[in-house]
N, C-alpha and C. Protein backbone atom coordinates (compact mmCIF):
# COMPACT_ATOMS: atom_id res chain seq x y z
N MET A 1 0.82 -1.19 0.00
CA MET A 1 0.00 0.00 0.00
C MET A 1 0.86 1.26 0.00
N ASN A 2 1.99 1.22 0.71
CA ASN A 2 2.86 2.39 0.74
C ASN A 2 3.46 2.68 -0.63
N ALA A 3 3.77 1.64 -1.39
CA ALA A 3 4.29 1.85 -2.75
C ALA A 3 3.21 2.49 -3.63
N LEU A 4 1.98 2.07 -3.43
CA LEU A 4 0.88 2.64 -4.20
C LEU A 4 0.72 4.13 -3.88
N LYS A 5 0.82 4.47 -2.59
CA LYS A 5 0.74 5.89 -2.20
C LYS A 5 1.87 6.68 -2.83
N LYS A 6 3.05 6.07 -2.86
CA LYS A 6 4.21 6.77 -3.41
C LYS A 6 4.01 7.07 -4.89
N TYR A 7 3.55 6.09 -5.66
CA TYR A 7 3.39 6.32 -7.09
C TYR A 7 2.18 7.18 -7.43
N PHE A 8 1.18 7.14 -6.58
CA PHE A 8 0.08 8.08 -6.78
C PHE A 8 0.54 9.51 -6.51
N GLY A 9 1.58 9.67 -5.70
CA GLY A 9 2.16 10.99 -5.48
C GLY A 9 2.64 11.60 -6.79
N LEU A 10 3.24 10.78 -7.65
CA LEU A 10 3.67 11.29 -8.96
C LEU A 10 2.47 11.73 -9.80
N ILE A 11 1.38 11.00 -9.68
CA ILE A 11 0.18 11.38 -10.43
C ILE A 11 -0.35 12.72 -9.93
N TRP A 12 -0.36 12.91 -8.60
CA TRP A 12 -0.82 14.19 -8.05
C TRP A 12 0.09 15.33 -8.47
N ILE A 13 1.40 15.08 -8.47
CA ILE A 13 2.34 16.12 -8.89
C ILE A 13 2.09 16.52 -10.34
N ALA A 14 1.80 15.55 -11.19
CA ALA A 14 1.56 15.84 -12.61
C ALA A 14 0.20 16.48 -12.84
N MET A 15 -0.77 16.16 -12.01
CA MET A 15 -2.12 16.69 -12.22
C MET A 15 -2.23 18.18 -11.93
N GLY A 16 -1.41 18.69 -11.01
CA GLY A 16 -1.47 20.11 -10.68
C GLY A 16 -1.22 21.02 -11.87
N PRO A 17 -0.04 20.91 -12.51
CA PRO A 17 0.21 21.76 -13.68
C PRO A 17 -0.72 21.47 -14.85
N LEU A 18 -1.13 20.21 -15.01
CA LEU A 18 -2.05 19.89 -16.09
C LEU A 18 -3.41 20.56 -15.88
N ALA A 19 -3.86 20.63 -14.65
CA ALA A 19 -5.13 21.29 -14.36
C ALA A 19 -5.05 22.79 -14.65
N ILE A 20 -3.94 23.40 -14.23
CA ILE A 20 -3.77 24.83 -14.49
C ILE A 20 -3.68 25.09 -15.99
N TYR A 21 -2.90 24.27 -16.69
CA TYR A 21 -2.78 24.42 -18.14
C TYR A 21 -4.15 24.26 -18.82
N GLY A 22 -4.91 23.26 -18.39
CA GLY A 22 -6.23 23.04 -18.97
C GLY A 22 -7.17 24.21 -18.77
N LEU A 23 -7.12 24.81 -17.59
CA LEU A 23 -7.99 25.97 -17.32
C LEU A 23 -7.57 27.17 -18.15
N VAL A 24 -6.28 27.43 -18.24
CA VAL A 24 -5.80 28.58 -19.02
C VAL A 24 -6.09 28.36 -20.50
N ASP A 25 -5.89 27.14 -20.97
CA ASP A 25 -6.18 26.83 -22.37
C ASP A 25 -7.67 27.01 -22.68
N ALA A 26 -8.52 26.54 -21.79
CA ALA A 26 -9.96 26.70 -21.99
C ALA A 26 -10.35 28.18 -21.95
N ALA A 27 -9.70 28.94 -21.09
CA ALA A 27 -10.01 30.38 -21.03
C ALA A 27 -9.67 31.06 -22.34
N PHE A 28 -8.51 30.72 -22.92
CA PHE A 28 -8.14 31.33 -24.20
C PHE A 28 -9.07 30.90 -25.32
N ARG A 29 -9.59 29.70 -25.25
CA ARG A 29 -10.49 29.23 -26.31
C ARG A 29 -11.89 29.82 -26.18
N PHE A 30 -12.38 30.00 -24.94
CA PHE A 30 -13.77 30.39 -24.75
C PHE A 30 -14.00 31.87 -24.57
N VAL A 31 -12.99 32.64 -24.20
CA VAL A 31 -13.21 34.07 -24.00
C VAL A 31 -13.41 34.73 -25.36
N ASP A 32 -14.54 35.38 -25.48
CA ASP A 32 -14.89 36.05 -26.72
C ASP A 32 -15.71 37.30 -26.37
N PRO A 33 -15.18 38.48 -26.66
CA PRO A 33 -15.92 39.70 -26.30
C PRO A 33 -17.30 39.80 -26.96
N ALA A 34 -17.46 39.15 -28.11
CA ALA A 34 -18.75 39.21 -28.81
C ALA A 34 -19.71 38.14 -28.31
N GLY A 35 -19.24 37.23 -27.46
CA GLY A 35 -20.09 36.14 -26.97
C GLY A 35 -21.14 36.64 -26.01
N GLN A 36 -22.25 35.92 -25.95
CA GLN A 36 -23.37 36.33 -25.11
C GLN A 36 -23.50 35.49 -23.84
N LYS A 37 -22.75 34.39 -23.74
CA LYS A 37 -22.89 33.52 -22.57
C LYS A 37 -21.87 33.88 -21.50
N ASP A 38 -22.09 33.37 -20.29
CA ASP A 38 -21.17 33.63 -19.17
C ASP A 38 -19.79 33.04 -19.41
N ILE A 39 -19.71 31.94 -20.16
CA ILE A 39 -18.42 31.29 -20.39
C ILE A 39 -17.52 32.16 -21.27
N ASN A 40 -18.10 33.12 -21.98
CA ASN A 40 -17.32 34.01 -22.83
C ASN A 40 -16.77 35.22 -22.07
N ASN A 41 -17.13 35.39 -20.83
CA ASN A 41 -16.72 36.54 -20.03
C ASN A 41 -15.35 36.27 -19.39
N PRO A 42 -14.38 37.15 -19.62
CA PRO A 42 -13.04 36.90 -19.04
C PRO A 42 -13.01 37.00 -17.52
N ILE A 43 -13.91 37.75 -16.92
CA ILE A 43 -13.93 37.88 -15.45
C ILE A 43 -14.22 36.53 -14.80
N VAL A 44 -15.13 35.78 -15.38
CA VAL A 44 -15.46 34.46 -14.85
C VAL A 44 -14.23 33.56 -14.89
N TRP A 45 -13.47 33.60 -15.97
CA TRP A 45 -12.28 32.76 -16.09
C TRP A 45 -11.18 33.20 -15.13
N ILE A 46 -11.05 34.49 -14.91
CA ILE A 46 -10.05 34.97 -13.94
C ILE A 46 -10.40 34.45 -12.55
N ILE A 47 -11.67 34.47 -12.21
CA ILE A 47 -12.10 33.97 -10.89
C ILE A 47 -11.86 32.46 -10.79
N ILE A 48 -12.23 31.72 -11.82
CA ILE A 48 -12.05 30.27 -11.80
C ILE A 48 -10.58 29.90 -11.68
N ILE A 49 -9.74 30.53 -12.49
CA ILE A 49 -8.30 30.22 -12.45
C ILE A 49 -7.71 30.66 -11.11
N GLY A 50 -8.16 31.80 -10.59
CA GLY A 50 -7.67 32.27 -9.29
C GLY A 50 -8.03 31.36 -8.14
N ILE A 51 -9.19 30.71 -8.21
CA ILE A 51 -9.60 29.79 -7.16
C ILE A 51 -8.90 28.45 -7.28
N PHE A 52 -8.77 27.93 -8.49
CA PHE A 52 -8.23 26.59 -8.66
C PHE A 52 -6.71 26.52 -8.70
N THR A 53 -6.02 27.63 -8.88
CA THR A 53 -4.56 27.60 -8.86
C THR A 53 -4.01 27.20 -7.49
N PRO A 54 -4.48 27.78 -6.37
CA PRO A 54 -3.98 27.31 -5.07
C PRO A 54 -4.36 25.86 -4.79
N ILE A 55 -5.51 25.41 -5.29
CA ILE A 55 -5.90 24.02 -5.11
C ILE A 55 -4.94 23.11 -5.86
N ALA A 56 -4.57 23.49 -7.07
CA ALA A 56 -3.62 22.69 -7.85
C ALA A 56 -2.24 22.69 -7.21
N ILE A 57 -1.84 23.81 -6.64
CA ILE A 57 -0.55 23.86 -5.94
C ILE A 57 -0.59 22.95 -4.71
N GLY A 58 -1.69 22.95 -3.99
CA GLY A 58 -1.85 22.05 -2.86
C GLY A 58 -1.81 20.59 -3.28
N LEU A 59 -2.37 20.30 -4.44
CA LEU A 59 -2.31 18.94 -4.99
C LEU A 59 -0.87 18.53 -5.25
N MET A 60 -0.08 19.44 -5.79
CA MET A 60 1.33 19.13 -6.05
C MET A 60 2.11 18.95 -4.75
N ILE A 61 1.82 19.76 -3.74
CA ILE A 61 2.49 19.61 -2.44
C ILE A 61 2.12 18.27 -1.81
N PHE A 62 0.84 17.92 -1.87
CA PHE A 62 0.39 16.63 -1.35
C PHE A 62 1.11 15.49 -2.07
N GLY A 63 1.23 15.58 -3.39
CA GLY A 63 1.93 14.56 -4.16
C GLY A 63 3.40 14.48 -3.81
N TRP A 64 4.02 15.63 -3.56
CA TRP A 64 5.44 15.65 -3.19
C TRP A 64 5.65 14.91 -1.87
N TYR A 65 4.79 15.18 -0.89
CA TYR A 65 4.92 14.50 0.39
C TYR A 65 4.65 13.00 0.25
N ALA A 66 3.70 12.64 -0.60
CA ALA A 66 3.43 11.22 -0.83
C ALA A 66 4.62 10.56 -1.51
N TRP A 67 5.25 11.24 -2.46
CA TRP A 67 6.42 10.69 -3.15
C TRP A 67 7.60 10.55 -2.19
N LYS A 68 7.74 11.45 -1.25
CA LYS A 68 8.82 11.40 -0.26
C LYS A 68 8.50 10.48 0.91
N GLU A 69 7.40 9.75 0.82
CA GLU A 69 6.98 8.74 1.80
C GLU A 69 6.71 9.33 3.19
N GLU A 70 6.18 10.53 3.24
CA GLU A 70 5.85 11.15 4.52
C GLU A 70 4.58 10.56 5.12
N TYR A 71 3.77 9.89 4.32
CA TYR A 71 2.51 9.33 4.81
C TYR A 71 2.60 7.84 5.08
N ASP A 72 3.80 7.27 5.13
CA ASP A 72 3.92 5.84 5.39
C ASP A 72 3.51 5.48 6.81
N ARG A 73 3.85 6.30 7.74
CA ARG A 73 3.51 6.04 9.15
C ARG A 73 2.78 7.27 9.68
N ILE A 74 1.49 7.15 9.84
CA ILE A 74 0.67 8.27 10.31
C ILE A 74 0.21 7.96 11.73
N PRO A 75 0.50 8.84 12.69
CA PRO A 75 0.04 8.58 14.06
C PRO A 75 -1.47 8.74 14.16
N HIS A 76 -2.06 7.97 15.06
CA HIS A 76 -3.50 8.03 15.26
C HIS A 76 -3.89 8.90 16.44
N SER A 77 -2.90 9.25 17.27
CA SER A 77 -3.19 10.13 18.40
C SER A 77 -1.92 10.89 18.77
N SER A 78 -2.06 11.90 19.58
CA SER A 78 -0.90 12.67 20.01
C SER A 78 -0.02 11.88 20.96
N VAL A 79 -0.57 10.85 21.60
CA VAL A 79 0.22 9.99 22.48
C VAL A 79 1.29 9.25 21.66
N GLU A 80 0.93 8.82 20.47
CA GLU A 80 1.90 8.15 19.61
C GLU A 80 3.04 9.09 19.23
N LEU A 81 2.75 10.36 19.07
CA LEU A 81 3.80 11.33 18.76
C LEU A 81 4.79 11.46 19.91
N GLU A 82 4.27 11.42 21.13
CA GLU A 82 5.15 11.53 22.30
C GLU A 82 5.97 10.27 22.51
N GLU A 83 5.42 9.11 22.17
CA GLU A 83 6.12 7.85 22.39
C GLU A 83 7.17 7.57 21.32
N ASP A 84 6.93 7.98 20.09
CA ASP A 84 7.83 7.67 18.98
C ASP A 84 8.48 8.97 18.47
N PRO A 85 9.72 9.23 18.83
CA PRO A 85 10.37 10.49 18.42
C PRO A 85 10.64 10.57 16.91
N THR A 86 10.60 9.45 16.20
CA THR A 86 10.85 9.50 14.75
C THR A 86 9.70 10.14 14.00
N LEU A 87 8.52 10.19 14.64
CA LEU A 87 7.38 10.82 13.99
C LEU A 87 7.44 12.34 14.06
N ARG A 88 8.23 12.87 14.98
CA ARG A 88 8.38 14.33 15.10
C ARG A 88 9.57 14.74 14.27
N LYS A 89 9.32 15.39 13.16
CA LYS A 89 10.43 15.81 12.29
C LYS A 89 10.65 17.26 12.38
């Protein structure tokens, strides 16, 4: 299971930039000043990209920690943190 978490970390790292690229690409394709729908409005795309960029960055950080095997041993209580000094980094 730990190996699976590690390799899924690579998938999360790759998904972050791909999500941002996909949103920016869609914004360039759909923004049209002559368009009548909300999807053609650049303000909507600025808001969407502004909201999802930190989420994508968090996805990459989560993937980095998974790739570095930080989630292999997760304590279930604060007592475990006090008993095992290797969990306190």
